[in-house]
C-alpha atoms as a PDB file:
ATOM      1  CA  UNK A   1     -13.130  -0.999  15.294  1.00  0.00           C
ATOM      2  CA  UNK A   2     -10.548  -3.105  17.361  1.00  0.00           C
ATOM      3  CA  UNK A   3      -7.386  -1.614  18.816  1.00  0.00           C
ATOM      4  CA  UNK A   4      -4.802  -0.822  16.205  1.00  0.00           C
ATOM      5  CA  UNK A   5      -1.139  -0.123  16.964  1.00  0.00           C
ATOM      6  CA  UNK A   6       1.367   2.238  15.049  1.00  0.00           C
ATOM      7  CA  UNK A   7       4.885   1.552  15.056  1.00  0.00           C
ATOM      8  CA  UNK A   8       8.111   2.800  13.446  1.00  0.00           C
ATOM      9  CA  UNK A   9      10.942   0.216  12.908  1.00  0.00           C
ATOM     10  CA  UNK A  10      14.520   0.700  11.433  1.00  0.00           C
ATOM     11  CA  UNK A  11      16.394  -2.146  10.230  1.00  0.00           C
ATOM     12  CA  UNK A  12      19.496  -2.634  12.441  1.00  0.00           C
ATOM     13  CA  UNK A  13      22.830  -1.798  10.991  1.00  0.00           C
ATOM     14  CA  UNK A  14      24.770  -4.607  12.700  1.00  0.00           C
ATOM     15  CA  UNK A  15      24.654  -8.429  13.118  1.00  0.00           C
ATOM     16  CA  UNK A  16      22.494 -10.302  11.034  1.00  0.00           C
ATOM     17  CA  UNK A  17      20.167  -7.418  10.004  1.00  0.00           C
ATOM     18  CA  UNK A  18      23.176  -5.922   8.326  1.00  0.00           C
ATOM     19  CA  UNK A  19      23.561  -8.918   5.955  1.00  0.00           C
ATOM     20  CA  UNK A  20      19.881  -8.388   5.035  1.00  0.00           C
ATOM     21  CA  UNK A  21      20.115  -4.735   4.353  1.00  0.00           C
ATOM     22  CA  UNK A  22      21.236  -5.052   0.704  1.00  0.00           C
ATOM     23  CA  UNK A  23      18.294  -7.270  -0.105  1.00  0.00           C
ATOM     24  CA  UNK A  24      15.611  -5.439   1.850  1.00  0.00           C
ATOM     25  CA  UNK A  25      16.726  -2.114   0.208  1.00  0.00           C
ATOM     26  CA  UNK A  26      17.022  -3.362  -3.316  1.00  0.00           C
ATOM     27  CA  UNK A  27      15.167  -1.163  -5.697  1.00  0.00           C
ATOM     28  CA  UNK A  28      11.795  -2.580  -6.699  1.00  0.00           C
ATOM     29  CA  UNK A  29      12.064  -5.782  -4.648  1.00  0.00           C
ATOM     30  CA  UNK A  30       9.406  -6.326  -2.100  1.00  0.00           C
ATOM     31  CA  UNK A  31       9.516  -9.983  -1.547  1.00  0.00           C
ATOM     32  CA  UNK A  32      12.416  -9.890   1.153  1.00  0.00           C
ATOM     33  CA  UNK A  33      10.668  -6.871   2.807  1.00  0.00           C
ATOM     34  CA  UNK A  34       7.538  -8.665   3.060  1.00  0.00           C
ATOM     35  CA  UNK A  35       9.116 -11.665   4.579  1.00  0.00           C
ATOM     36  CA  UNK A  36      11.069  -9.922   7.381  1.00  0.00           C
ATOM     37  CA  UNK A  37       8.082  -7.542   8.237  1.00  0.00           C
ATOM     38  CA  UNK A  38       5.998 -10.763   8.610  1.00  0.00           C
ATOM     39  CA  UNK A  39       8.474 -12.136  10.983  1.00  0.00           C
ATOM     40  CA  UNK A  40       7.282  -9.675  13.328  1.00  0.00           C
ATOM     41  CA  UNK A  41       3.810 -10.999  13.278  1.00  0.00           C
ATOM     42  CA  UNK A  42       4.257 -14.596  12.486  1.00  0.00           C
ATOM     43  CA  UNK A  43       3.471 -16.011  16.050  1.00  0.00           C
ATOM     44  CA  UNK A  44       1.520 -18.991  14.445  1.00  0.00           C
ATOM     45  CA  UNK A  45       1.996 -20.908  11.340  1.00  0.00           C
ATOM     46  CA  UNK A  46      -1.563 -20.349  10.150  1.00  0.00           C
ATOM     47  CA  UNK A  47      -1.679 -16.686  10.982  1.00  0.00           C
ATOM     48  CA  UNK A  48      -3.446 -14.473   8.550  1.00  0.00           C
ATOM     49  CA  UNK A  49      -1.970 -10.961   7.825  1.00  0.00           C
ATOM     50  CA  UNK A  50      -3.631  -8.262  10.186  1.00  0.00           C
ATOM     51  CA  UNK A  51      -1.174  -5.497   9.275  1.00  0.00           C
ATOM     52  CA  UNK A  52      -0.305  -3.095   6.870  1.00  0.00           C
ATOM     53  CA  UNK A  53       3.496  -1.686   6.308  1.00  0.00           C
ATOM     54  CA  UNK A  54       5.407   0.772   4.316  1.00  0.00           C
ATOM     55  CA  UNK A  55       9.047   1.241   3.673  1.00  0.00           C
ATOM     56  CA  UNK A  56       9.684   4.973   3.231  1.00  0.00           C
ATOM     57  CA  UNK A  57      13.403   5.099   3.113  1.00  0.00           C
ATOM     58  CA  UNK A  58      16.356   2.590   3.328  1.00  0.00           C
ATOM     59  CA  UNK A  59      15.601   0.322   6.324  1.00  0.00           C
ATOM     60  CA  UNK A  60      12.922   2.400   7.646  1.00  0.00           C
ATOM     61  CA  UNK A  61       9.276   0.841   7.926  1.00  0.00           C
ATOM     62  CA  UNK A  62       6.007   1.983   9.166  1.00  0.00           C
ATOM     63  CA  UNK A  63       3.565  -0.360  10.725  1.00  0.00           C
ATOM     64  CA  UNK A  64      -0.175  -0.457  11.343  1.00  0.00           C
ATOM     65  CA  UNK A  65      -1.247  -3.521  13.148  1.00  0.00           C
ATOM     66  CA  UNK A  66      -3.969  -5.433  15.053  1.00  0.00           C
ATOM     67  CA  UNK A  67      -1.180  -7.058  17.329  1.00  0.00           C
ATOM     68  CA  UNK A  68       1.916  -5.325  18.940  1.00  0.00           C
ATOM     69  CA  UNK A  69       5.038  -6.386  16.652  1.00  0.00           C
ATOM     70  CA  UNK A  70       7.490  -8.816  18.376  1.00  0.00           C
ATOM     71  CA  UNK A  71      11.082  -8.849  17.113  1.00  0.00           C
ATOM     72  CA  UNK A  72      12.180 -12.271  18.051  1.00  0.00           C
ATOM     73  CA  UNK A  73      14.988 -12.324  15.669  1.00  0.00           C
ATOM     74  CA  UNK A  74      16.361  -8.773  16.717  1.00  0.00           C
ATOM     75  CA  UNK A  75      16.212  -7.424  13.218  1.00  0.00           C
ATOM     76  CA  UNK A  76      14.768  -3.991  14.011  1.00  0.00           C
ATOM     77  CA  UNK A  77      15.192  -0.945  16.406  1.00  0.00           C
ATOM     78  CA  UNK A  78      11.615  -0.265  17.119  1.00  0.00           C
ATOM     79  CA  UNK A  79       9.912   2.912  18.585  1.00  0.00           C
ATOM     80  CA  UNK A  80       7.653   1.712  21.287  1.00  0.00           C
ATOM     81  CA  UNK A  81       4.216   0.910  19.532  1.00  0.00           C
ATOM     82  CA  UNK A  82       1.538   3.661  19.924  1.00  0.00           C
ATOM     83  CA  UNK A  83      -2.280   2.983  20.123  1.00  0.00           C
ATOM     84  CA  UNK A  84      -3.658   4.290  16.925  1.00  0.00           C
ATOM     85  CA  UNK A  85      -7.058   5.884  17.660  1.00  0.00           C
ATOM     86  CA  UNK A  86      -7.076   9.237  15.442  1.00  0.00           C
ATOM     87  CA  UNK A  87      -9.883  11.741  16.740  1.00  0.00           C
ATOM     88  CA  UNK A  88     -11.320  12.913  13.618  1.00  0.00           C
ATOM     89  CA  UNK A  89     -14.235  15.156  12.946  1.00  0.00           C
ATOM     90  CA  UNK A  90     -16.287  15.822   9.479  1.00  0.00           C
ATOM     91  CA  UNK A  91     -14.601  18.568   7.807  1.00  0.00           C
ATOM     92  CA  UNK A  92     -11.004  18.142   9.628  1.00  0.00           C
ATOM     93  CA  UNK A  93      -8.151  18.662   7.173  1.00  0.00           C
ATOM     94  CA  UNK A  94      -5.256  16.227   6.938  1.00  0.00           C
ATOM     95  CA  UNK A  95      -1.794  16.172   5.369  1.00  0.00           C
ATOM     96  CA  UNK A  96      -1.412  12.545   3.930  1.00  0.00           C
ATOM     97  CA  UNK A  97       1.065  10.361   2.164  1.00  0.00           C
ATOM     98  CA  UNK A  98       0.079   7.148   0.374  1.00  0.00           C
ATOM     99  CA  UNK A  99       2.268   4.590  -1.593  1.00  0.00           C
ATOM    100  CA  UNK A 100      -0.369   2.386  -3.350  1.00  0.00           C
ATOM    101  CA  UNK A 101      -0.978  -0.137  -6.194  1.00  0.00           C
ATOM    102  CA  UNK A 102      -4.191   1.381  -7.864  1.00  0.00           C
ATOM    103  CA  UNK A 103      -6.185  -0.967  -9.998  1.00  0.00           C
ATOM    104  CA  UNK A 104      -9.576  -1.286 -11.583  1.00  0.00           C
ATOM    105  CA  UNK A 105     -11.414  -4.608 -11.083  1.00  0.00           C
ATOM    106  CA  UNK A 106     -13.584  -6.292 -13.687  1.00  0.00           C
ATOM    107  CA  UNK A 107     -15.698  -9.449 -13.519  1.00  0.00           C
ATOM    108  CA  UNK A 108     -15.945 -11.910 -16.243  1.00  0.00           C
ATOM    109  CA  UNK A 109     -17.202 -15.390 -16.730  1.00  0.00           C
ATOM    110  CA  UNK A 110     -14.755 -18.208 -15.432  1.00  0.00           C
ATOM    111  CA  UNK A 111     -15.002 -21.203 -17.929  1.00  0.00           C
ATOM    112  CA  UNK A 112     -12.212 -23.189 -16.323  1.00  0.00           C
ATOM    113  CA  UNK A 113     -13.035 -26.636 -15.024  1.00  0.00           C
ATOM    114  CA  UNK A 114     -14.013 -26.444 -11.436  1.00  0.00           C
ATOM    115  CA  UNK A 115     -14.457 -22.459 -11.644  1.00  0.00           C
ATOM    116  CA  UNK A 116     -16.887 -20.646  -9.659  1.00  0.00           C
ATOM    117  CA  UNK A 117     -18.326 -18.882 -12.718  1.00  0.00           C
ATOM    118  CA  UNK A 118     -16.934 -15.769 -12.083  1.00  0.00           C
ATOM    119  CA  UNK A 119     -13.355 -14.316 -12.364  1.00  0.00           C
ATOM    120  CA  UNK A 120     -12.148 -10.769 -11.211  1.00  0.00           C
ATOM    121  CA  UNK A 121      -9.619  -9.221 -13.255  1.00  0.00           C
ATOM    122  CA  UNK A 122      -7.382  -6.406 -12.041  1.00  0.00           C
ATOM    123  CA  UNK A 123      -6.084  -3.732 -14.321  1.00  0.00           C
ATOM    124  CA  UNK A 124      -3.443  -1.090 -13.604  1.00  0.00           C
ATOM    125  CA  UNK A 125      -5.172   2.148 -13.543  1.00  0.00           C
ATOM    126  CA  UNK A 126      -2.431   3.955 -15.795  1.00  0.00           C
ATOM    127  CA  UNK A 127      -2.452   1.130 -18.417  1.00  0.00           C
ATOM    128  CA  UNK A 128      -6.185   1.039 -18.453  1.00  0.00           C
ATOM    129  CA  UNK A 129      -6.362   4.863 -19.360  1.00  0.00           C
ATOM    130  CA  UNK A 130      -3.930   4.485 -22.237  1.00  0.00           C
ATOM    131  CA  UNK A 131      -4.601   0.948 -23.533  1.00  0.00           C
ATOM    132  CA  UNK A 132      -6.977   2.231 -26.320  1.00  0.00           C
ATOM    133  CA  UNK A 133      -4.119   4.520 -27.793  1.00  0.00           C
ATOM    134  CA  UNK A 134      -1.681   3.437 -30.699  1.00  0.00           C
ATOM    135  CA  UNK A 135       1.355   1.853 -29.014  1.00  0.00           C
ATOM    136  CA  UNK A 136       3.583   4.842 -30.229  1.00  0.00           C
ATOM    137  CA  UNK A 137       1.420   7.272 -28.369  1.00  0.00           C
ATOM    138  CA  UNK A 138       1.363   5.426 -25.042  1.00  0.00           C
ATOM    139  CA  UNK A 139       4.781   6.582 -23.631  1.00  0.00           C
ATOM    140  CA  UNK A 140       3.919  10.088 -24.185  1.00  0.00           C
ATOM    141  CA  UNK A 141       0.339   9.786 -22.516  1.00  0.00           C
ATOM    142  CA  UNK A 142       1.671   7.800 -19.904  1.00  0.00           C
ATOM    143  CA  UNK A 143       2.917  10.852 -17.707  1.00  0.00           C
ATOM    144  CA  UNK A 144      -0.433  12.586 -17.791  1.00  0.00           C
ATOM    145  CA  UNK A 145      -2.264   9.553 -17.046  1.00  0.00           C
ATOM    146  CA  UNK A 146      -0.297   9.041 -13.690  1.00  0.00           C
ATOM    147  CA  UNK A 147      -1.772  12.060 -12.431  1.00  0.00           C
ATOM    148  CA  UNK A 148      -5.391  12.046 -13.856  1.00  0.00           C
ATOM    149  CA  UNK A 149      -5.983   8.324 -13.718  1.00  0.00           C
ATOM    150  CA  UNK A 150      -4.307   8.311 -10.202  1.00  0.00           C
ATOM    151  CA  UNK A 151      -6.177  11.011  -8.772  1.00  0.00           C
ATOM    152  CA  UNK A 152      -9.555   9.448 -10.407  1.00  0.00           C
ATOM    153  CA  UNK A 153      -8.893   6.307  -8.507  1.00  0.00           C
ATOM    154  CA  UNK A 154      -8.003   8.113  -5.213  1.00  0.00           C
ATOM    155  CA  UNK A 155     -11.187  10.138  -5.613  1.00  0.00           C
ATOM    156  CA  UNK A 156     -13.116   6.900  -5.931  1.00  0.00           C
ATOM    157  CA  UNK A 157     -11.604   5.520  -2.809  1.00  0.00           C
ATOM    158  CA  UNK A 158     -12.636   8.688  -1.049  1.00  0.00           C
ATOM    159  CA  UNK A 159     -16.298   8.260  -2.106  1.00  0.00           C
ATOM    160  CA  UNK A 160     -16.326   5.027  -0.285  1.00  0.00           C
ATOM    161  CA  UNK A 161     -13.755   5.724   2.449  1.00  0.00           C
ATOM    162  CA  UNK A 162     -15.212   9.182   3.841  1.00  0.00           C
ATOM    163  CA  UNK A 163     -12.698  11.697   2.483  1.00  0.00           C
ATOM    164  CA  UNK A 164     -12.474  14.208  -0.430  1.00  0.00           C
ATOM    165  CA  UNK A 165     -10.019  16.525  -2.070  1.00  0.00           C
ATOM    166  CA  UNK A 166      -9.472  18.970  -4.778  1.00  0.00           C
ATOM    167  CA  UNK A 167      -7.248  18.046  -7.836  1.00  0.00           C
ATOM    168  CA  UNK A 168      -4.903  20.855  -7.061  1.00  0.00           C
ATOM    169  CA  UNK A 169      -4.291  19.443  -3.497  1.00  0.00           C
ATOM    170  CA  UNK A 170      -2.864  16.166  -4.308  1.00  0.00           C
ATOM    171  CA  UNK A 171       0.194  15.080  -6.533  1.00  0.00           C
ATOM    172  CA  UNK A 172       0.280  11.678  -7.962  1.00  0.00           C
ATOM    173  CA  UNK A 173       3.613  10.603  -9.263  1.00  0.00           C
ATOM    174  CA  UNK A 174       6.191   7.843  -9.559  1.00  0.00           C
ATOM    175  CA  UNK A 175       4.716   4.798 -11.458  1.00  0.00           C
ATOM    176  CA  UNK A 176       7.352   2.568 -10.261  1.00  0.00           C
ATOM    177  CA  UNK A 177       7.495  -1.155 -11.135  1.00  0.00           C
ATOM    178  CA  UNK A 178       7.811  -3.574  -8.103  1.00  0.00           C
ATOM    179  CA  UNK A 179       8.608  -7.470  -8.546  1.00  0.00           C
ATOM    180  CA  UNK A 180       7.714 -10.145  -6.317  1.00  0.00           C
ATOM    181  CA  UNK A 181       9.829 -13.305  -6.935  1.00  0.00           C
ATOM    182  CA  UNK A 182       8.343 -16.593  -6.184  1.00  0.00           C
ATOM    183  CA  UNK A 183      10.146 -20.030  -6.105  1.00  0.00           C
ATOM    184  CA  UNK A 184       9.185 -22.110  -8.823  1.00  0.00           C
ATOM    185  CA  UNK A 185       6.848 -19.683 -10.312  1.00  0.00           C
ATOM    186  CA  UNK A 186       6.976 -16.403 -12.615  1.00  0.00           C
ATOM    187  CA  UNK A 187       7.403 -13.392 -10.794  1.00  0.00           C
ATOM    188  CA  UNK A 188       4.672 -10.952  -9.878  1.00  0.00           C
ATOM    189  CA  UNK A 189       5.098  -7.595 -11.336  1.00  0.00           C
ATOM    190  CA  UNK A 190       2.936  -4.638 -10.664  1.00  0.00           C
ATOM    191  CA  UNK A 191       3.078  -0.649 -10.546  1.00  0.00           C
ATOM    192  CA  UNK A 192       2.828   1.740  -7.776  1.00  0.00           C
ATOM    193  CA  UNK A 193       1.980   5.372  -7.450  1.00  0.00           C
ATOM    194  CA  UNK A 194       2.994   7.833  -4.495  1.00  0.00           C
ATOM    195  CA  UNK A 195       0.177  10.211  -3.651  1.00  0.00           C
ATOM    196  CA  UNK A 196       0.810  13.200  -1.417  1.00  0.00           C
ATOM    197  CA  UNK A 197      -1.375  16.106  -0.471  1.00  0.00           C
ATOM    198  CA  UNK A 198      -4.222  17.213   1.628  1.00  0.00           C
ATOM    199  CA  UNK A 199      -7.700  15.740   1.994  1.00  0.00           C
ATOM    200  CA  UNK A 200     -10.889  16.525   3.950  1.00  0.00           C
ATOM    201  CA  UNK A 201     -12.565  14.174   5.960  1.00  0.00           C
ATOM    202  CA  UNK A 202     -16.279  13.699   5.328  1.00  0.00           C
ATOM    203  CA  UNK A 203     -17.136  10.609   7.233  1.00  0.00           C
ATOM    204  CA  UNK A 204     -15.055   9.897  10.291  1.00  0.00           C
ATOM    205  CA  UNK A 205     -16.142   6.354  11.020  1.00  0.00           C
ATOM    206  CA  UNK A 206     -15.573   5.039   7.341  1.00  0.00           C
ATOM    207  CA  UNK A 207     -12.373   6.844   7.127  1.00  0.00           C
ATOM    208  CA  UNK A 208     -10.815   5.325  10.221  1.00  0.00           C
ATOM    209  CA  UNK A 209     -12.038   1.870   9.012  1.00  0.00           C
ATOM    210  CA  UNK A 210     -10.550   2.254   5.736  1.00  0.00           C
ATOM    211  CA  UNK A 211      -7.271   3.535   7.429  1.00  0.00           C
ATOM    212  CA  UNK A 212      -6.865   0.089   9.330  1.00  0.00           C
ATOM    213  CA  UNK A 213      -7.886  -2.083   6.162  1.00  0.00           C
ATOM    214  CA  UNK A 214      -5.702  -0.020   3.592  1.00  0.00           C
ATOM    215  CA  UNK A 215      -6.096   1.311  -0.034  1.00  0.00           C
ATOM    216  CA  UNK A 216      -5.773  -0.685  -3.371  1.00  0.00           C
ATOM    217  CA  UNK A 217      -3.976  -3.939  -4.178  1.00  0.00           C
ATOM    218  CA  UNK A 218      -0.750  -5.422  -3.088  1.00  0.00           C
ATOM    219  CA  UNK A 219      -1.302  -4.585   0.750  1.00  0.00           C
ATOM    220  CA  UNK A 220       0.674  -7.552   1.665  1.00  0.00           C
ATOM    221  CA  UNK A 221       3.632  -6.022  -0.219  1.00  0.00           C
ATOM    222  CA  UNK A 222       4.250  -2.773   1.224  1.00  0.00           C
ATOM    223  CA  UNK A 223       1.210  -0.759  -0.310  1.00  0.00           C
ATOM    224  CA  UNK A 224      -2.000   0.668   0.922  1.00  0.00           C
ATOM    225  CA  UNK A 225      -0.899   2.294   4.341  1.00  0.00           C
ATOM    226  CA  UNK A 226      -1.689   6.034   4.340  1.00  0.00           C
ATOM    227  CA  UNK A 227       0.090   7.943   6.704  1.00  0.00           C
ATOM    228  CA  UNK A 228      -1.751  11.052   8.241  1.00  0.00           C
ATOM    229  CA  UNK A 229      -0.961  14.198  10.059  1.00  0.00           C
ATOM    230  CA  UNK A 230      -2.985  17.316  10.889  1.00  0.00           C
ATOM    231  CA  UNK A 231      -2.862  19.869   8.076  1.00  0.00           C
END
């Protein structure tokens, strides 16, 4: 795995950053956050995203990136980036926090003109768990589904990404709706779940790779970055 950098950046409370603060901290809005975080890495017009980010409180962002962020517009107060190279062994225990957009993916035939014959549909894990219930029963079932379907999704991530946990070790909660507004198009809306707890590393190499690439969908919009520390 190539070198990664972990950075903590706080939006400045003066100058042009202060004018942006109300937009960047508006509940449920991630499009402005996406744009301002991208400004730290947009050194070329054709750059592809090679970073993960997460906003944990008003104006505080955590970044994991393949390049050192450059604050050309002086919007942030940034701690010096640290090389991200956790020394993990099989069986080590970690405290973790993850803000994610958990989905289940399903393939279907693509009959559109010019289609490639296959489409991938992403379904929210909570709605997928309760969609077979009568509409009047879904609101009551949703709360339990957040924990049960959320942990089931995370357990599946662990099977591929080299970690495991017991159900009692992880809390899954939140289920907040996020909105991405696009000029000339309908907004994109998705739900997020916050996971907190302890896990056990089973495959250090697979887990380290997964940390670098992120978990779940909507990773361009502040989801998927797992924060870890020794338990």
